[in-house]
All heavy atoms as atom14 arrays in JSON, in Angstrom:
{
  "sequence": "GKWNLLLDELCNRAGFVDTASLAARFCELSNSGGQRDFDTAVRNLN",
  "atom14_mask": [
    [1, 1, 1, 1, 0, 0, 0, 0, 0, 0, 0, 0, 0, 0],
    [1, 1, 1, 1, 1, 1, 1, 1, 1, 0, 0, 0, 0, 0],
    [1, 1, 1, 1, 1, 1, 1, 1, 1, 1, 1, 1, 1, 1],
    [1, 1, 1, 1, 1, 1, 1, 1, 0, 0, 0, 0, 0, 0],
    [1, 1, 1, 1, 1, 1, 1, 1, 0, 0, 0, 0, 0, 0],
    [1, 1, 1, 1, 1, 1, 1, 1, 0, 0, 0, 0, 0, 0],
    [1, 1, 1, 1, 1, 1, 1, 1, 0, 0, 0, 0, 0, 0],
    [1, 1, 1, 1, 1, 1, 1, 1, 0, 0, 0, 0, 0, 0],
    [1, 1, 1, 1, 1, 1, 1, 1, 1, 0, 0, 0, 0, 0],
    [1, 1, 1, 1, 1, 1, 1, 1, 0, 0, 0, 0, 0, 0],
    [1, 1, 1, 1, 1, 1, 0, 0, 0, 0, 0, 0, 0, 0],
    [1, 1, 1, 1, 1, 1, 1, 1, 0, 0, 0, 0, 0, 0],
    [1, 1, 1, 1, 1, 1, 1, 1, 1, 1, 1, 0, 0, 0],
    [1, 1, 1, 1, 1, 0, 0, 0, 0, 0, 0, 0, 0, 0],
    [1, 1, 1, 1, 0, 0, 0, 0, 0, 0, 0, 0, 0, 0],
    [1, 1, 1, 1, 1, 1, 1, 1, 1, 1, 1, 0, 0, 0],
    [1, 1, 1, 1, 1, 1, 1, 0, 0, 0, 0, 0, 0, 0],
    [1, 1, 1, 1, 1, 1, 1, 1, 0, 0, 0, 0, 0, 0],
    [1, 1, 1, 1, 1, 1, 1, 0, 0, 0, 0, 0, 0, 0],
    [1, 1, 1, 1, 1, 0, 0, 0, 0, 0, 0, 0, 0, 0],
    [1, 1, 1, 1, 1, 1, 0, 0, 0, 0, 0, 0, 0, 0],
    [1, 1, 1, 1, 1, 1, 1, 1, 0, 0, 0, 0, 0, 0],
    [1, 1, 1, 1, 1, 0, 0, 0, 0, 0, 0, 0, 0, 0],
    [1, 1, 1, 1, 1, 0, 0, 0, 0, 0, 0, 0, 0, 0],
    [1, 1, 1, 1, 1, 1, 1, 1, 1, 1, 1, 0, 0, 0],
    [1, 1, 1, 1, 1, 1, 1, 1, 1, 1, 1, 0, 0, 0],
    [1, 1, 1, 1, 1, 1, 0, 0, 0, 0, 0, 0, 0, 0],
    [1, 1, 1, 1, 1, 1, 1, 1, 1, 0, 0, 0, 0, 0],
    [1, 1, 1, 1, 1, 1, 1, 1, 0, 0, 0, 0, 0, 0],
    [1, 1, 1, 1, 1, 1, 0, 0, 0, 0, 0, 0, 0, 0],
    [1, 1, 1, 1, 1, 1, 1, 1, 0, 0, 0, 0, 0, 0],
    [1, 1, 1, 1, 1, 1, 0, 0, 0, 0, 0, 0, 0, 0],
    [1, 1, 1, 1, 0, 0, 0, 0, 0, 0, 0, 0, 0, 0],
    [1, 1, 1, 1, 0, 0, 0, 0, 0, 0, 0, 0, 0, 0],
    [1, 1, 1, 1, 1, 1, 1, 1, 1, 0, 0, 0, 0, 0],
    [1, 1, 1, 1, 1, 1, 1, 1, 1, 1, 1, 0, 0, 0],
    [1, 1, 1, 1, 1, 1, 1, 1, 0, 0, 0, 0, 0, 0],
    [1, 1, 1, 1, 1, 1, 1, 1, 1, 1, 1, 0, 0, 0],
    [1, 1, 1, 1, 1, 1, 1, 1, 0, 0, 0, 0, 0, 0],
    [1, 1, 1, 1, 1, 1, 1, 0, 0, 0, 0, 0, 0, 0],
    [1, 1, 1, 1, 1, 0, 0, 0, 0, 0, 0, 0, 0, 0],
    [1, 1, 1, 1, 1, 1, 1, 0, 0, 0, 0, 0, 0, 0],
    [1, 1, 1, 1, 1, 1, 1, 1, 1, 1, 1, 0, 0, 0],
    [1, 1, 1, 1, 1, 1, 1, 1, 0, 0, 0, 0, 0, 0],
    [1, 1, 1, 1, 1, 1, 1, 1, 0, 0, 0, 0, 0, 0],
    [1, 1, 1, 1, 1, 1, 1, 1, 0, 0, 0, 0, 0, 0]
  ],
  "atom14_positions": [
    [[9.57, 31.76, -16.58], [10.92, 31.91, -17.11], [11.86, 30.79, -16.82], [13.04, 30.8, -17.21], [0.0, 0.0, 0.0], [0.0, 0.0, 0.0], [0.0, 0.0, 0.0], [0.0, 0.0, 0.0], [0.0, 0.0, 0.0], [0.0, 0.0, 0.0], [0.0, 0.0, 0.0], [0.0, 0.0, 0.0], [0.0, 0.0, 0.0], [0.0, 0.0, 0.0]],
    [[11.39, 29.67, -16.1], [12.3, 28.59, -15.75], [11.56, 27.28, -16.14], [10.32, 27.16, -15.86], [12.68, 28.62, -14.3], [13.62, 29.78, -13.91], [14.14, 29.7, -12.5], [15.12, 30.79, -12.19], [15.59, 30.65, -10.78], [0.0, 0.0, 0.0], [0.0, 0.0, 0.0], [0.0, 0.0, 0.0], [0.0, 0.0, 0.0], [0.0, 0.0, 0.0]],
    [[12.32, 26.3, -16.6], [11.7, 25.05, -16.98], [10.98, 24.37, -15.8], [9.96, 23.79, -15.92], [12.76, 24.12, -17.58], [12.16, 22.82, -18.06], [11.52, 22.63, -19.21], [12.1, 21.57, -17.37], [11.08, 21.29, -19.28], [11.46, 20.68, -18.11], [12.64, 21.2, -16.07], [11.24, 19.35, -17.64], [12.45, 19.9, -15.64], [11.74, 19.01, -16.44]],
    [[11.63, 24.32, -14.67], [11.1, 23.57, -13.51], [9.82, 24.27, -13.03], [8.86, 23.54, -12.61], [12.1, 23.54, -12.28], [12.34, 24.79, -11.71], [12.95, 25.71, -12.34], [11.88, 25.0, -10.41], [0.0, 0.0, 0.0], [0.0, 0.0, 0.0], [0.0, 0.0, 0.0], [0.0, 0.0, 0.0], [0.0, 0.0, 0.0], [0.0, 0.0, 0.0]],
    [[9.69, 25.58, -13.19], [8.39, 26.24, -12.77], [7.28, 25.9, -13.78], [6.15, 25.76, -13.44], [8.66, 27.74, -12.79], [9.64, 28.26, -11.71], [9.77, 29.78, -11.75], [9.23, 27.78, -10.32], [0.0, 0.0, 0.0], [0.0, 0.0, 0.0], [0.0, 0.0, 0.0], [0.0, 0.0, 0.0], [0.0, 0.0, 0.0], [0.0, 0.0, 0.0]],
    [[7.66, 25.79, -15.09], [6.71, 25.37, -16.08], [6.21, 23.94, -15.85], [5.07, 23.6, -15.95], [7.28, 25.5, -17.47], [6.38, 25.13, -18.66], [5.06, 25.89, -18.64], [7.06, 25.27, -19.96], [0.0, 0.0, 0.0], [0.0, 0.0, 0.0], [0.0, 0.0, 0.0], [0.0, 0.0, 0.0], [0.0, 0.0, 0.0], [0.0, 0.0, 0.0]],
    [[7.2, 23.1, -15.48], [6.91, 21.66, -15.19], [5.89, 21.59, -14.01], [4.89, 20.88, -14.01], [8.18, 20.93, -14.86], [8.0, 19.53, -14.28], [7.28, 18.58, -15.25], [9.3, 18.91, -13.83], [0.0, 0.0, 0.0], [0.0, 0.0, 0.0], [0.0, 0.0, 0.0], [0.0, 0.0, 0.0], [0.0, 0.0, 0.0], [0.0, 0.0, 0.0]],
    [[6.27, 22.33, -12.98], [5.39, 22.31, -11.78], [3.95, 22.82, -12.08], [3.01, 22.29, -11.59], [6.06, 23.2, -10.69], [5.46, 22.94, -9.31], [5.45, 21.79, -8.88], [5.01, 23.91, -8.69], [0.0, 0.0, 0.0], [0.0, 0.0, 0.0], [0.0, 0.0, 0.0], [0.0, 0.0, 0.0], [0.0, 0.0, 0.0], [0.0, 0.0, 0.0]],
    [[3.88, 23.92, -12.88], [2.57, 24.46, -13.3], [1.75, 23.36, -14.01], [0.59, 23.27, -13.83], [2.77, 25.74, -14.08], [1.54, 26.33, -14.57], [0.69, 26.97, -13.49], [1.15, 27.16, -12.34], [-0.57, 27.24, -13.77], [0.0, 0.0, 0.0], [0.0, 0.0, 0.0], [0.0, 0.0, 0.0], [0.0, 0.0, 0.0], [0.0, 0.0, 0.0]],
    [[2.41, 22.75, -15.0], [1.7, 21.74, -15.83], [1.23, 20.57, -14.98], [0.19, 20.06, -15.15], [2.61, 21.28, -16.93], [2.95, 22.33, -18.06], [3.9, 21.7, -19.04], [1.72, 22.91, -18.63], [0.0, 0.0, 0.0], [0.0, 0.0, 0.0], [0.0, 0.0, 0.0], [0.0, 0.0, 0.0], [0.0, 0.0, 0.0], [0.0, 0.0, 0.0]],
    [[2.1, 20.2, -13.98], [1.73, 19.05, -13.07], [0.48, 19.42, -12.3], [-0.39, 18.64, -12.13], [2.91, 18.69, -12.15], [4.27, 17.93, -13.01], [0.0, 0.0, 0.0], [0.0, 0.0, 0.0], [0.0, 0.0, 0.0], [0.0, 0.0, 0.0], [0.0, 0.0, 0.0], [0.0, 0.0, 0.0], [0.0, 0.0, 0.0], [0.0, 0.0, 0.0]],
    [[0.44, 20.66, -11.81], [-0.66, 21.11, -10.97], [-1.87, 21.17, -11.81], [-3.01, 20.8, -11.35], [-0.37, 22.48, -10.32], [0.73, 22.37, -9.28], [0.93, 21.35, -8.67], [1.46, 23.48, -9.06], [0.0, 0.0, 0.0], [0.0, 0.0, 0.0], [0.0, 0.0, 0.0], [0.0, 0.0, 0.0], [0.0, 0.0, 0.0], [0.0, 0.0, 0.0]],
    [[-1.76, 21.7, -13.08], [-2.96, 21.8, -13.91], [-3.5, 20.46, -14.32], [-4.7, 20.28, -14.58], [-2.59, 22.6, -15.17], [-2.37, 24.08, -14.95], [-1.87, 24.73, -16.18], [-1.69, 26.25, -15.98], [-2.58, 27.2, -16.33], [-3.68, 26.81, -16.96], [-2.32, 28.39, -16.1], [0.0, 0.0, 0.0], [0.0, 0.0, 0.0], [0.0, 0.0, 0.0]],
    [[-2.57, 19.45, -14.4], [-2.97, 18.1, -14.72], [-3.58, 17.32, -13.57], [-4.02, 16.19, -13.66], [-1.88, 17.36, -15.37], [0.0, 0.0, 0.0], [0.0, 0.0, 0.0], [0.0, 0.0, 0.0], [0.0, 0.0, 0.0], [0.0, 0.0, 0.0], [0.0, 0.0, 0.0], [0.0, 0.0, 0.0], [0.0, 0.0, 0.0], [0.0, 0.0, 0.0]],
    [[-3.53, 17.96, -12.37], [-4.07, 17.31, -11.19], [-3.06, 16.58, -10.35], [-3.44, 15.93, -9.35], [0.0, 0.0, 0.0], [0.0, 0.0, 0.0], [0.0, 0.0, 0.0], [0.0, 0.0, 0.0], [0.0, 0.0, 0.0], [0.0, 0.0, 0.0], [0.0, 0.0, 0.0], [0.0, 0.0, 0.0], [0.0, 0.0, 0.0], [0.0, 0.0, 0.0]],
    [[-1.78, 16.63, -10.71], [-0.77, 15.92, -9.93], [-0.2, 16.85, -8.9], [0.98, 17.26, -8.97], [0.37, 15.45, -10.87], [-0.1, 14.49, -11.92], [-0.16, 14.78, -13.24], [-0.48, 13.11, -11.53], [-0.55, 13.84, -14.22], [-0.9, 12.25, -12.46], [-0.96, 12.59, -13.84], [0.0, 0.0, 0.0], [0.0, 0.0, 0.0], [0.0, 0.0, 0.0]],
    [[-0.99, 17.15, -7.91], [-0.5, 18.08, -6.81], [0.5, 17.35, -5.97], [1.45, 17.95, -5.55], [-1.73, 18.53, -6.05], [-1.22, 19.46, -4.88], [-2.67, 19.31, -6.86], [0.0, 0.0, 0.0], [0.0, 0.0, 0.0], [0.0, 0.0, 0.0], [0.0, 0.0, 0.0], [0.0, 0.0, 0.0], [0.0, 0.0, 0.0], [0.0, 0.0, 0.0]],
    [[0.32, 16.04, -5.68], [1.26, 15.28, -4.88], [2.15, 14.48, -5.79], [1.71, 13.99, -6.88], [0.53, 14.35, -3.94], [-0.24, 13.33, -4.64], [-1.24, 13.69, -5.41], [0.08, 12.15, -4.62], [0.0, 0.0, 0.0], [0.0, 0.0, 0.0], [0.0, 0.0, 0.0], [0.0, 0.0, 0.0], [0.0, 0.0, 0.0], [0.0, 0.0, 0.0]],
    [[3.44, 14.36, -5.41], [4.38, 13.7, -6.27], [4.17, 12.21, -6.4], [4.54, 11.64, -7.39], [5.83, 13.97, -5.67], [6.03, 15.37, -5.54], [6.93, 13.43, -6.66], [0.0, 0.0, 0.0], [0.0, 0.0, 0.0], [0.0, 0.0, 0.0], [0.0, 0.0, 0.0], [0.0, 0.0, 0.0], [0.0, 0.0, 0.0], [0.0, 0.0, 0.0]],
    [[3.53, 11.6, -5.37], [3.33, 10.19, -5.42], [2.44, 9.71, -6.58], [2.72, 8.78, -7.36], [2.73, 9.72, -4.08], [0.0, 0.0, 0.0], [0.0, 0.0, 0.0], [0.0, 0.0, 0.0], [0.0, 0.0, 0.0], [0.0, 0.0, 0.0], [0.0, 0.0, 0.0], [0.0, 0.0, 0.0], [0.0, 0.0, 0.0], [0.0, 0.0, 0.0]],
    [[1.37, 10.46, -6.82], [0.49, 10.16, -7.91], [1.15, 10.34, -9.25], [1.01, 9.62, -10.23], [-0.83, 10.93, -7.84], [-0.55, 12.34, -7.92], [0.0, 0.0, 0.0], [0.0, 0.0, 0.0], [0.0, 0.0, 0.0], [0.0, 0.0, 0.0], [0.0, 0.0, 0.0], [0.0, 0.0, 0.0], [0.0, 0.0, 0.0], [0.0, 0.0, 0.0]],
    [[1.95, 11.45, -9.33], [2.68, 11.72, -10.55], [3.71, 10.65, -10.81], [3.94, 10.22, -11.95], [3.45, 13.1, -10.37], [4.26, 13.54, -11.57], [3.43, 13.72, -12.83], [4.96, 14.92, -11.21], [0.0, 0.0, 0.0], [0.0, 0.0, 0.0], [0.0, 0.0, 0.0], [0.0, 0.0, 0.0], [0.0, 0.0, 0.0], [0.0, 0.0, 0.0]],
    [[4.45, 10.17, -9.78], [5.42, 9.14, -9.94], [4.81, 7.84, -10.36], [5.38, 7.08, -11.18], [6.22, 8.89, -8.59], [0.0, 0.0, 0.0], [0.0, 0.0, 0.0], [0.0, 0.0, 0.0], [0.0, 0.0, 0.0], [0.0, 0.0, 0.0], [0.0, 0.0, 0.0], [0.0, 0.0, 0.0], [0.0, 0.0, 0.0], [0.0, 0.0, 0.0]],
    [[3.64, 7.52, -9.81], [2.96, 6.27, -10.31], [2.64, 6.29, -11.77], [2.86, 5.33, -12.49], [1.7, 6.11, -9.48], [0.0, 0.0, 0.0], [0.0, 0.0, 0.0], [0.0, 0.0, 0.0], [0.0, 0.0, 0.0], [0.0, 0.0, 0.0], [0.0, 0.0, 0.0], [0.0, 0.0, 0.0], [0.0, 0.0, 0.0], [0.0, 0.0, 0.0]],
    [[2.16, 7.44, -12.27], [1.85, 7.55, -13.68], [3.09, 7.55, -14.53], [3.18, 6.99, -15.6], [1.09, 8.88, -13.89], [0.65, 9.1, -15.37], [-0.22, 8.06, -15.9], [-0.65, 8.37, -17.27], [-0.97, 7.47, -18.15], [-0.88, 6.21, -17.83], [-1.36, 7.86, -19.35], [0.0, 0.0, 0.0], [0.0, 0.0, 0.0], [0.0, 0.0, 0.0]],
    [[4.17, 8.17, -14.04], [5.42, 8.24, -14.67], [5.99, 6.79, -14.87], [6.45, 6.4, -15.97], [6.48, 9.07, -13.91], [7.78, 9.26, -14.56], [8.01, 10.31, -15.43], [8.78, 8.34, -14.32], [9.28, 10.48, -16.05], [10.07, 8.47, -14.97], [10.26, 9.59, -15.79], [0.0, 0.0, 0.0], [0.0, 0.0, 0.0], [0.0, 0.0, 0.0]],
    [[5.93, 6.0, -13.79], [6.36, 4.62, -13.87], [5.55, 3.81, -14.91], [6.11, 2.98, -15.62], [6.34, 3.94, -12.5], [7.6, 4.59, -11.35], [0.0, 0.0, 0.0], [0.0, 0.0, 0.0], [0.0, 0.0, 0.0], [0.0, 0.0, 0.0], [0.0, 0.0, 0.0], [0.0, 0.0, 0.0], [0.0, 0.0, 0.0], [0.0, 0.0, 0.0]],
    [[4.28, 4.07, -14.96], [3.43, 3.36, -15.86], [3.83, 3.68, -17.3], [3.91, 2.72, -18.1], [1.93, 3.74, -15.64], [0.94, 3.12, -16.5], [-0.47, 3.61, -16.26], [-0.68, 4.19, -15.22], [-1.33, 3.3, -17.11], [0.0, 0.0, 0.0], [0.0, 0.0, 0.0], [0.0, 0.0, 0.0], [0.0, 0.0, 0.0], [0.0, 0.0, 0.0]],
    [[4.05, 4.89, -17.62], [4.4, 5.29, -19.02], [5.77, 4.86, -19.37], [6.02, 4.65, -20.55], [4.23, 6.76, -19.19], [2.79, 7.38, -19.16], [2.78, 8.86, -19.26], [1.92, 6.77, -20.22], [0.0, 0.0, 0.0], [0.0, 0.0, 0.0], [0.0, 0.0, 0.0], [0.0, 0.0, 0.0], [0.0, 0.0, 0.0], [0.0, 0.0, 0.0]],
    [[6.7, 4.76, -18.4], [8.04, 4.35, -18.65], [8.3, 2.83, -18.59], [9.36, 2.4, -18.7], [9.01, 5.08, -17.75], [8.71, 4.84, -16.43], [0.0, 0.0, 0.0], [0.0, 0.0, 0.0], [0.0, 0.0, 0.0], [0.0, 0.0, 0.0], [0.0, 0.0, 0.0], [0.0, 0.0, 0.0], [0.0, 0.0, 0.0], [0.0, 0.0, 0.0]],
    [[7.18, 2.08, -18.37], [7.22, 0.65, -18.3], [8.13, 0.15, -17.23], [8.98, -0.8, -17.43], [7.6, 0.05, -19.64], [6.6, 0.33, -20.74], [5.39, 0.28, -20.52], [7.11, 0.66, -21.92], [0.0, 0.0, 0.0], [0.0, 0.0, 0.0], [0.0, 0.0, 0.0], [0.0, 0.0, 0.0], [0.0, 0.0, 0.0], [0.0, 0.0, 0.0]],
    [[8.14, 0.85, -16.04], [8.96, 0.41, -14.95], [8.04, 0.15, -13.8], [6.97, 0.76, -13.63], [9.97, 1.53, -14.54], [9.29, 2.78, -14.29], [0.0, 0.0, 0.0], [0.0, 0.0, 0.0], [0.0, 0.0, 0.0], [0.0, 0.0, 0.0], [0.0, 0.0, 0.0], [0.0, 0.0, 0.0], [0.0, 0.0, 0.0], [0.0, 0.0, 0.0]],
    [[8.4, -0.86, -12.94], [7.57, -1.19, -11.78], [8.45, -1.53, -10.64], [9.64, -1.65, -10.68], [0.0, 0.0, 0.0], [0.0, 0.0, 0.0], [0.0, 0.0, 0.0], [0.0, 0.0, 0.0], [0.0, 0.0, 0.0], [0.0, 0.0, 0.0], [0.0, 0.0, 0.0], [0.0, 0.0, 0.0], [0.0, 0.0, 0.0], [0.0, 0.0, 0.0]],
    [[7.79, -1.81, -9.55], [8.56, -2.15, -8.29], [8.73, -0.95, -7.42], [8.7, 0.18, -7.87], [0.0, 0.0, 0.0], [0.0, 0.0, 0.0], [0.0, 0.0, 0.0], [0.0, 0.0, 0.0], [0.0, 0.0, 0.0], [0.0, 0.0, 0.0], [0.0, 0.0, 0.0], [0.0, 0.0, 0.0], [0.0, 0.0, 0.0], [0.0, 0.0, 0.0]],
    [[8.97, -1.27, -6.18], [9.11, -0.17, -5.2], [10.38, 0.69, -5.47], [10.38, 1.86, -5.28], [9.23, -0.71, -3.75], [9.15, 0.22, -2.65], [7.91, 1.02, -2.61], [6.78, 0.55, -2.8], [8.04, 2.38, -2.37], [0.0, 0.0, 0.0], [0.0, 0.0, 0.0], [0.0, 0.0, 0.0], [0.0, 0.0, 0.0], [0.0, 0.0, 0.0]],
    [[11.43, 0.04, -5.87], [12.64, 0.77, -6.15], [12.46, 1.77, -7.25], [12.88, 2.9, -7.12], [13.79, -0.21, -6.49], [15.16, 0.51, -6.79], [16.22, -0.48, -6.98], [16.53, -1.21, -5.77], [17.49, -2.18, -5.7], [18.21, -2.46, -6.74], [17.71, -2.82, -4.56], [0.0, 0.0, 0.0], [0.0, 0.0, 0.0], [0.0, 0.0, 0.0]],
    [[11.84, 1.35, -8.36], [11.55, 2.29, -9.5], [10.69, 3.41, -9.04], [10.88, 4.57, -9.43], [10.91, 1.56, -10.67], [11.86, 0.54, -11.33], [13.05, 0.82, -11.27], [11.35, -0.5, -11.76], [0.0, 0.0, 0.0], [0.0, 0.0, 0.0], [0.0, 0.0, 0.0], [0.0, 0.0, 0.0], [0.0, 0.0, 0.0], [0.0, 0.0, 0.0]],
    [[9.66, 3.15, -8.2], [8.74, 4.15, -7.75], [9.51, 5.18, -6.89], [9.36, 6.39, -7.03], [7.61, 3.52, -6.95], [6.69, 4.54, -6.37], [5.75, 5.17, -7.17], [6.76, 4.82, -5.01], [4.89, 6.1, -6.55], [5.85, 5.75, -4.49], [4.96, 6.41, -5.2], [0.0, 0.0, 0.0], [0.0, 0.0, 0.0], [0.0, 0.0, 0.0]],
    [[10.32, 4.7, -5.97], [11.13, 5.55, -5.13], [12.01, 6.42, -5.88], [12.19, 7.64, -5.57], [11.91, 4.78, -4.05], [11.05, 4.06, -3.05], [9.84, 4.4, -2.93], [11.44, 3.0, -2.43], [0.0, 0.0, 0.0], [0.0, 0.0, 0.0], [0.0, 0.0, 0.0], [0.0, 0.0, 0.0], [0.0, 0.0, 0.0], [0.0, 0.0, 0.0]],
    [[12.66, 5.88, -6.95], [13.58, 6.63, -7.77], [12.76, 7.74, -8.51], [13.25, 8.85, -8.65], [14.23, 5.75, -8.84], [15.02, 4.75, -8.1], [15.17, 6.53, -9.74], [0.0, 0.0, 0.0], [0.0, 0.0, 0.0], [0.0, 0.0, 0.0], [0.0, 0.0, 0.0], [0.0, 0.0, 0.0], [0.0, 0.0, 0.0], [0.0, 0.0, 0.0]],
    [[11.64, 7.38, -8.98], [10.75, 8.32, -9.74], [10.34, 9.51, -8.84], [10.32, 10.68, -9.19], [9.53, 7.68, -10.29], [0.0, 0.0, 0.0], [0.0, 0.0, 0.0], [0.0, 0.0, 0.0], [0.0, 0.0, 0.0], [0.0, 0.0, 0.0], [0.0, 0.0, 0.0], [0.0, 0.0, 0.0], [0.0, 0.0, 0.0], [0.0, 0.0, 0.0]],
    [[10.0, 9.24, -7.56], [9.6, 10.23, -6.57], [10.76, 11.19, -6.38], [10.61, 12.43, -6.35], [9.11, 9.61, -5.26], [9.01, 10.66, -4.24], [7.81, 8.84, -5.46], [0.0, 0.0, 0.0], [0.0, 0.0, 0.0], [0.0, 0.0, 0.0], [0.0, 0.0, 0.0], [0.0, 0.0, 0.0], [0.0, 0.0, 0.0], [0.0, 0.0, 0.0]],
    [[11.95, 10.62, -6.18], [13.15, 11.45, -5.91], [13.43, 12.32, -7.06], [13.75, 13.5, -6.95], [14.31, 10.51, -5.55], [15.62, 11.28, -5.2], [16.68, 10.35, -4.71], [17.09, 9.42, -5.69], [16.73, 8.1, -5.64], [15.94, 7.67, -4.63], [17.16, 7.27, -6.59], [0.0, 0.0, 0.0], [0.0, 0.0, 0.0], [0.0, 0.0, 0.0]],
    [[13.45, 11.68, -8.29], [13.74, 12.48, -9.51], [12.73, 13.6, -9.74], [13.12, 14.74, -10.09], [13.83, 11.55, -10.69], [15.07, 10.67, -10.75], [16.06, 11.05, -10.12], [15.0, 9.57, -11.41], [0.0, 0.0, 0.0], [0.0, 0.0, 0.0], [0.0, 0.0, 0.0], [0.0, 0.0, 0.0], [0.0, 0.0, 0.0], [0.0, 0.0, 0.0]],
    [[11.44, 13.24, -9.62], [10.46, 14.29, -9.85], [10.52, 15.41, -8.89], [10.34, 16.63, -9.27], [9.02, 13.58, -9.76], [8.68, 12.74, -11.0], [7.52, 11.79, -10.68], [8.41, 13.54, -12.17], [0.0, 0.0, 0.0], [0.0, 0.0, 0.0], [0.0, 0.0, 0.0], [0.0, 0.0, 0.0], [0.0, 0.0, 0.0], [0.0, 0.0, 0.0]],
    [[10.81, 15.11, -7.59], [11.02, 16.28, -6.64], [12.27, 17.07, -7.03], [12.17, 18.38, -6.95], [11.27, 15.62, -5.23], [10.0, 15.19, -4.57], [8.92, 15.8, -4.76], [10.06, 14.13, -3.71], [0.0, 0.0, 0.0], [0.0, 0.0, 0.0], [0.0, 0.0, 0.0], [0.0, 0.0, 0.0], [0.0, 0.0, 0.0], [0.0, 0.0, 0.0]]
  ]
}
């Protein structure tokens, strides 16, 4: 019944149990790189 719970479920089903691997893939698809972009992605995804 909540969007964040659905997001979390889909992440787990896709194998992204840890946020770091999910953030790396997110940065790749959004054409962003560098440590700052990665740290921002981790914070946002959490």
